[in-house]
PDB file of N, CA and C in Angstrom:
ATOM      1  N   MET A   1       0.088 -15.829   7.646  1.00  0.00           N
ATOM      2  CA  MET A   1       0.073 -14.903   6.387  1.00  0.00           C
ATOM      3  C   MET A   1      -0.002 -13.455   7.113  1.00  0.00           C
ATOM      4  N   TYR A   2       0.332 -12.491   5.944  1.00  0.00           N
ATOM      5  CA  TYR A   2       0.517 -11.339   6.338  1.00  0.00           C
ATOM      6  C   TYR A   2      -0.288 -10.394   5.388  1.00  0.00           C
ATOM      7  N   LYS A   3      -0.797  -9.086   5.832  1.00  0.00           N
ATOM      8  CA  LYS A   3      -1.274  -8.035   4.749  1.00  0.00           C
ATOM      9  C   LYS A   3      -0.761  -6.943   5.059  1.00  0.00           C
ATOM     10  N   TYR A   4      -1.013  -5.867   3.953  1.00  0.00           N
ATOM     11  CA  TYR A   4      -0.280  -4.559   4.283  1.00  0.00           C
ATOM     12  C   TYR A   4      -1.420  -3.514   4.425  1.00  0.00           C
ATOM     13  N   ILE A   5      -1.083  -2.450   5.183  1.00  0.00           N
ATOM     14  CA  ILE A   5      -2.429  -1.481   5.120  1.00  0.00           C
ATOM     15  C   ILE A   5      -1.448  -0.177   4.847  1.00  0.00           C
ATOM     16  N   LEU A   6      -1.883   0.673   3.558  1.00  0.00           N
ATOM     17  CA  LEU A   6      -1.370   1.701   3.666  1.00  0.00           C
ATOM     18  C   LEU A   6      -2.053   2.978   4.098  1.00  0.00           C
ATOM     19  N   TYR A   7      -1.350   4.054   4.272  1.00  0.00           N
ATOM     20  CA  TYR A   7      -2.012   5.053   4.787  1.00  0.00           C
ATOM     21  C   TYR A   7      -1.117   6.205   4.172  1.00  0.00           C
ATOM     22  N   TYR A   8      -1.745   7.437   4.022  1.00  0.00           N
ATOM     23  CA  TYR A   8      -1.094   8.751   3.244  1.00  0.00           C
ATOM     24  C   TYR A   8      -1.391   9.844   4.158  1.00  0.00           C
ATOM     25  N   ASP A   9      -0.622  10.524   4.653  1.00  0.00           N
ATOM     26  CA  ASP A   9      -0.509  11.464   5.481  1.00  0.00           C
ATOM     27  C   ASP A   9      -1.435  11.352   6.615  1.00  0.00           C
ATOM     28  N   GLY A  10      -1.341  10.013   7.156  1.00  0.00           N
ATOM     29  CA  GLY A  10      -2.208   9.807   8.224  1.00  0.00           C
ATOM     30  C   GLY A  10      -3.741   9.192   8.035  1.00  0.00           C
ATOM     31  N   GLY A  11      -4.273   9.513   6.820  1.00  0.00           N
ATOM     32  CA  GLY A  11      -5.302   8.944   6.419  1.00  0.00           C
ATOM     33  C   GLY A  11      -5.300   7.555   5.664  1.00  0.00           C
ATOM     34  N   PHE A  12      -6.241   6.633   5.992  1.00  0.00           N
ATOM     35  CA  PHE A  12      -6.274   5.338   5.408  1.00  0.00           C
ATOM     36  C   PHE A  12      -6.610   5.140   3.850  1.00  0.00           C
ATOM     37  N   LEU A  13      -5.487   4.373   3.021  1.00  0.00           N
ATOM     38  CA  LEU A  13      -5.849   4.279   1.470  1.00  0.00           C
ATOM     39  C   LEU A  13      -6.349   2.864   1.497  1.00  0.00           C
ATOM     40  N   CYS A  14      -5.561   1.750   1.790  1.00  0.00           N
ATOM     41  CA  CYS A  14      -6.342   0.647   1.302  1.00  0.00           C
ATOM     42  C   CYS A  14      -5.610  -0.420   2.431  1.00  0.00           C
ATOM     43  N   ASP A  15      -6.433  -1.564   2.338  1.00  0.00           N
ATOM     44  CA  ASP A  15      -5.998  -2.775   3.079  1.00  0.00           C
ATOM     45  C   ASP A  15      -5.771  -3.988   2.046  1.00  0.00           C
ATOM     46  N   SER A  16      -4.734  -4.687   1.960  1.00  0.00           N
ATOM     47  CA  SER A  16      -4.556  -5.555   0.898  1.00  0.00           C
ATOM     48  C   SER A  16      -5.532  -6.724   1.177  1.00  0.00           C
ATOM     49  N   SER A  17      -5.903  -6.882   2.454  1.00  0.00           N
ATOM     50  CA  SER A  17      -6.705  -8.217   2.342  1.00  0.00           C
ATOM     51  C   SER A  17      -8.261  -7.808   2.137  1.00  0.00           C
ATOM     52  N   GLU A  18      -8.512  -6.404   1.552  1.00  0.00           N
ATOM     53  CA  GLU A  18      -9.828  -6.380   1.166  1.00  0.00           C
ATOM     54  C   GLU A  18      -9.885  -5.956  -0.334  1.00  0.00           C
ATOM     55  N   LEU A  19      -8.747  -6.028  -1.133  1.00  0.00           N
ATOM     56  CA  LEU A  19      -8.660  -5.657  -2.413  1.00  0.00           C
ATOM     57  C   LEU A  19      -9.197  -7.140  -3.016  1.00  0.00           C
ATOM     58  N   ASN A  20      -9.670  -7.027  -4.203  1.00  0.00           N
ATOM     59  CA  ASN A  20     -10.078  -8.050  -5.130  1.00  0.00           C
ATOM     60  C   ASN A  20     -10.379  -9.349  -4.302  1.00  0.00           C
ATOM     61  N   ASP A  21      -9.420 -10.277  -4.512  1.00  0.00           N
ATOM     62  CA  ASP A  21      -9.338 -11.662  -3.855  1.00  0.00           C
ATOM     63  C   ASP A  21      -9.066 -11.628  -2.508  1.00  0.00           C
ATOM     64  N   GLY A  22      -8.553 -10.555  -2.173  1.00  0.00           N
ATOM     65  CA  GLY A  22      -8.150 -10.507  -0.425  1.00  0.00           C
ATOM     66  C   GLY A  22      -6.426 -11.012  -0.569  1.00  0.00           C
ATOM     67  N   TYR A  23      -5.776  -9.925  -0.964  1.00  0.00           N
ATOM     68  CA  TYR A  23      -4.437 -10.509  -1.110  1.00  0.00           C
ATOM     69  C   TYR A  23      -3.704 -10.569   0.195  1.00  0.00           C
ATOM     70  N   THR A  24      -3.319 -11.833   0.701  1.00  0.00           N
ATOM     71  CA  THR A  24      -2.444 -11.886   1.591  1.00  0.00           C
ATOM     72  C   THR A  24      -1.089 -12.606   1.228  1.00  0.00           C
ATOM     73  N   PHE A  25      -0.117 -12.536   2.151  1.00  0.00           N
ATOM     74  CA  PHE A  25       1.224 -12.806   1.694  1.00  0.00           C
ATOM     75  C   PHE A  25       1.562 -13.918   2.750  1.00  0.00           C
ATOM     76  N   GLU A  26       2.622 -14.826   1.944  1.00  0.00           N
ATOM     77  CA  GLU A  26       3.337 -15.697   3.113  1.00  0.00           C
ATOM     78  C   GLU A  26       4.399 -15.105   3.923  1.00  0.00           C
ATOM     79  N   THR A  27       4.908 -13.941   3.484  1.00  0.00           N
ATOM     80  CA  THR A  27       6.050 -13.459   4.426  1.00  0.00           C
ATOM     81  C   THR A  27       5.814 -11.961   4.487  1.00  0.00           C
ATOM     82  N   GLU A  28       6.540 -11.372   5.477  1.00  0.00           N
ATOM     83  CA  GLU A  28       6.386  -9.939   5.747  1.00  0.00           C
ATOM     84  C   GLU A  28       7.040  -9.215   4.577  1.00  0.00           C
ATOM     85  N   LYS A  29       8.042  -9.820   4.334  1.00  0.00           N
ATOM     86  CA  LYS A  29       9.108  -9.321   3.280  1.00  0.00           C
ATOM     87  C   LYS A  29       7.878  -9.194   2.109  1.00  0.00           C
ATOM     88  N   GLU A  30       7.410 -10.160   1.556  1.00  0.00           N
ATOM     89  CA  GLU A  30       6.723 -10.147   0.350  1.00  0.00           C
ATOM     90  C   GLU A  30       5.549  -8.877   0.419  1.00  0.00           C
ATOM     91  N   ALA A  31       5.088  -8.883   1.626  1.00  0.00           N
ATOM     92  CA  ALA A  31       3.761  -7.858   1.977  1.00  0.00           C
ATOM     93  C   ALA A  31       4.376  -6.529   1.757  1.00  0.00           C
ATOM     94  N   LYS A  32       5.558  -6.275   2.124  1.00  0.00           N
ATOM     95  CA  LYS A  32       6.390  -5.130   2.207  1.00  0.00           C
ATOM     96  C   LYS A  32       6.631  -4.722   0.727  1.00  0.00           C
ATOM     97  N   GLN A  33       7.143  -5.642  -0.032  1.00  0.00           N
ATOM     98  CA  GLN A  33       7.274  -5.510  -1.426  1.00  0.00           C
ATOM     99  C   GLN A  33       6.187  -5.136  -2.244  1.00  0.00           C
ATOM    100  N   GLU A  34       5.057  -5.735  -2.073  1.00  0.00           N
ATOM    101  CA  GLU A  34       3.824  -5.596  -2.807  1.00  0.00           C
ATOM    102  C   GLU A  34       3.186  -4.130  -2.212  1.00  0.00           C
ATOM    103  N   ALA A  35       3.512  -3.922  -0.830  1.00  0.00           N
ATOM    104  CA  ALA A  35       3.025  -2.455  -0.562  1.00  0.00           C
ATOM    105  C   ALA A  35       3.562  -1.306  -1.283  1.00  0.00           C
ATOM    106  N   GLU A  36       5.052  -1.537  -1.295  1.00  0.00           N
ATOM    107  CA  GLU A  36       5.827  -0.570  -2.325  1.00  0.00           C
ATOM    108  C   GLU A  36       5.495  -0.470  -3.473  1.00  0.00           C
ATOM    109  N   THR A  37       5.031  -1.582  -4.198  1.00  0.00           N
ATOM    110  CA  THR A  37       4.431  -1.750  -5.485  1.00  0.00           C
ATOM    111  C   THR A  37       3.240  -0.746  -5.596  1.00  0.00           C
ATOM    112  N   GLU A  38       2.359  -1.086  -4.659  1.00  0.00           N
ATOM    113  CA  GLU A  38       1.042  -0.329  -4.751  1.00  0.00           C
ATOM    114  C   GLU A  38       1.339   1.141  -4.550  1.00  0.00           C
ATOM    115  N   ILE A  39       2.378   1.378  -3.757  1.00  0.00           N
ATOM    116  CA  ILE A  39       2.672   2.823  -3.468  1.00  0.00           C
ATOM    117  C   ILE A  39       3.165   3.689  -4.760  1.00  0.00           C
ATOM    118  N   ASP A  40       4.060   2.900  -5.728  1.00  0.00           N
ATOM    119  CA  ASP A  40       4.480   3.274  -6.955  1.00  0.00           C
ATOM    120  C   ASP A  40       3.540   3.540  -7.910  1.00  0.00           C
ATOM    121  N   ASN A  41       2.571   2.520  -7.878  1.00  0.00           N
ATOM    122  CA  ASN A  41       1.514   2.756  -8.693  1.00  0.00           C
ATOM    123  C   ASN A  41       0.261   3.840  -8.454  1.00  0.00           C
ATOM    124  N   ARG A  42       0.118   3.839  -7.224  1.00  0.00           N
ATOM    125  CA  ARG A  42      -0.642   5.051  -6.839  1.00  0.00           C
ATOM    126  C   ARG A  42       0.104   6.662  -7.446  1.00  0.00           C
ATOM    127  N   ILE A  43       1.481   6.404  -7.036  1.00  0.00           N
ATOM    128  CA  ILE A  43       2.078   7.529  -7.513  1.00  0.00           C
ATOM    129  C   ILE A  43       2.088   8.031  -8.857  1.00  0.00           C
ATOM    130  N   LEU A  44       2.287   6.843  -9.617  1.00  0.00           N
ATOM    131  CA  LEU A  44       1.915   6.861 -11.228  1.00  0.00           C
ATOM    132  C   LEU A  44       0.863   7.478 -11.497  1.00  0.00           C
ATOM    133  N   TYR A  45      -0.427   6.997 -10.865  1.00  0.00           N
ATOM    134  CA  TYR A  45      -1.705   7.436 -11.283  1.00  0.00           C
ATOM    135  C   TYR A  45      -1.988   9.038 -10.925  1.00  0.00           C
ATOM    136  N   TRP A  46      -1.579   9.282  -9.771  1.00  0.00           N
ATOM    137  CA  TRP A  46      -1.566  10.597  -8.990  1.00  0.00           C
ATOM    138  C   TRP A  46      -0.656  11.625  -9.979  1.00  0.00           C
ATOM    139  N   GLU A  47       0.652  11.242 -10.827  1.00  0.00           N
ATOM    140  CA  GLU A  47       0.980  11.938 -11.341  1.00  0.00           C
ATOM    141  C   GLU A  47       0.635  12.255 -12.901  1.00  0.00           C
ATOM    142  N   LEU A  48      -0.252  11.205 -13.337  1.00  0.00           N
ATOM    143  CA  LEU A  48      -1.040  11.285 -14.625  1.00  0.00           C
ATOM    144  C   LEU A  48      -2.419  12.258 -14.416  1.00  0.00           C
ATOM    145  N   GLU A  49      -2.575  12.204 -13.178  1.00  0.00           N
ATOM    146  CA  GLU A  49      -4.004  13.340 -12.926  1.00  0.00           C
ATOM    147  C   GLU A  49      -3.361  14.656 -12.439  1.00  0.00           C
ATOM    148  N   GLU A  50      -2.224  14.753 -12.274  1.00  0.00           N
ATOM    149  CA  GLU A  50      -1.358  15.869 -11.941  1.00  0.00           C
ATOM    150  C   GLU A  50      -1.747  16.285 -10.574  1.00  0.00           C
ATOM    151  N   VAL A  51      -1.877  15.212  -9.633  1.00  0.00           N
ATOM    152  CA  VAL A  51      -1.967  15.535  -8.122  1.00  0.00           C
ATOM    153  C   VAL A  51      -0.665  15.665  -7.350  1.00  0.00           C
ATOM    154  N   GLU A  52      -0.625  16.657  -6.426  1.00  0.00           N
ATOM    155  CA  GLU A  52       0.703  16.927  -5.627  1.00  0.00           C
ATOM    156  C   GLU A  52       0.566  15.645  -4.621  1.00  0.00           C
ATOM    157  N   TYR A  53       1.818  15.118  -4.221  1.00  0.00           N
ATOM    158  CA  TYR A  53       1.972  14.218  -3.220  1.00  0.00           C
ATOM    159  C   TYR A  53       3.542  14.403  -2.829  1.00  0.00           C
ATOM    160  N   ASP A  54       3.670  14.002  -1.739  1.00  0.00           N
ATOM    161  CA  ASP A  54       5.205  13.686  -1.001  1.00  0.00           C
ATOM    162  C   ASP A  54       5.205  12.128  -0.605  1.00  0.00           C
ATOM    163  N   ARG A  55       6.181  11.583  -1.167  1.00  0.00           N
ATOM    164  CA  ARG A  55       6.553  10.120  -0.951  1.00  0.00           C
ATOM    165  C   ARG A  55       6.647   9.981   0.627  1.00  0.00           C
ATOM    166  N   GLU A  56       7.191  10.619   1.287  1.00  0.00           N
ATOM    167  CA  GLU A  56       7.459  10.411   2.501  1.00  0.00           C
ATOM    168  C   GLU A  56       6.240  10.652   3.436  1.00  0.00           C
ATOM    169  N   LEU A  57       5.097  10.906   2.880  1.00  0.00           N
ATOM    170  CA  LEU A  57       3.863  10.931   3.525  1.00  0.00           C
ATOM    171  C   LEU A  57       3.084   9.504   3.539  1.00  0.00           C
ATOM    172  N   PHE A  58       3.614   8.598   2.734  1.00  0.00           N
ATOM    173  CA  PHE A  58       3.125   7.141   2.724  1.00  0.00           C
ATOM    174  C   PHE A  58       3.805   6.322   3.830  1.00  0.00           C
ATOM    175  N   SER A  59       2.715   5.793   4.567  1.00  0.00           N
ATOM    176  CA  SER A  59       3.104   4.599   5.632  1.00  0.00           C
ATOM    177  C   SER A  59       2.508   3.352   5.282  1.00  0.00           C
ATOM    178  N   ILE A  60       3.465   2.273   5.645  1.00  0.00           N
ATOM    179  CA  ILE A  60       2.876   1.094   5.473  1.00  0.00           C
ATOM    180  C   ILE A  60       2.729   0.391   7.006  1.00  0.00           C
ATOM    181  N   LYS A  61       1.743  -0.442   6.979  1.00  0.00           N
ATOM    182  CA  LYS A  61       1.801  -1.342   8.302  1.00  0.00           C
ATOM    183  C   LYS A  61       1.529  -2.755   7.893  1.00  0.00           C
ATOM    184  N   ILE A  62       2.376  -3.565   8.457  1.00  0.00           N
ATOM    185  CA  ILE A  62       2.207  -5.009   7.986  1.00  0.00           C
ATOM    186  C   ILE A  62       1.585  -5.656   9.351  1.00  0.00           C
ATOM    187  N   GLU A  63       0.637  -6.565   8.959  1.00  0.00           N
ATOM    188  CA  GLU A  63       0.005  -7.246   9.795  1.00  0.00           C
ATOM    189  C   GLU A  63      -0.248  -8.764   9.710  1.00  0.00           C
ATOM    190  N   VAL A  64      -0.331  -9.436  10.889  1.00  0.00           N
ATOM    191  CA  VAL A  64      -0.292 -11.188  10.612  1.00  0.00           C
ATOM    192  C   VAL A  64      -1.829 -11.261  10.371  1.00  0.00           C
ATOM    193  N   VAL A  65      -2.107 -12.131   9.568  1.00  0.00           N
ATOM    194  CA  VAL A  65      -3.792 -12.540   9.713  1.00  0.00           C
ATOM    195  C   VAL A  65      -3.783 -13.921   9.763  1.00  0.00           C
TER     196      VAL A  65
END
């Protein structure tokens, strides 16, 4: 099982295993895809809130759980 951890500009954003029902994934690829989706959702929210961001400052860490 795998999980993702998201960071923005070096700061912690979220850990998928701590969200709702503890999202874990069967493959590393699946975890990476879900992390990218989470980034897209955060960007959409930030744009709606008129928050400035730089997509390049997001980073994803995939861990085995």
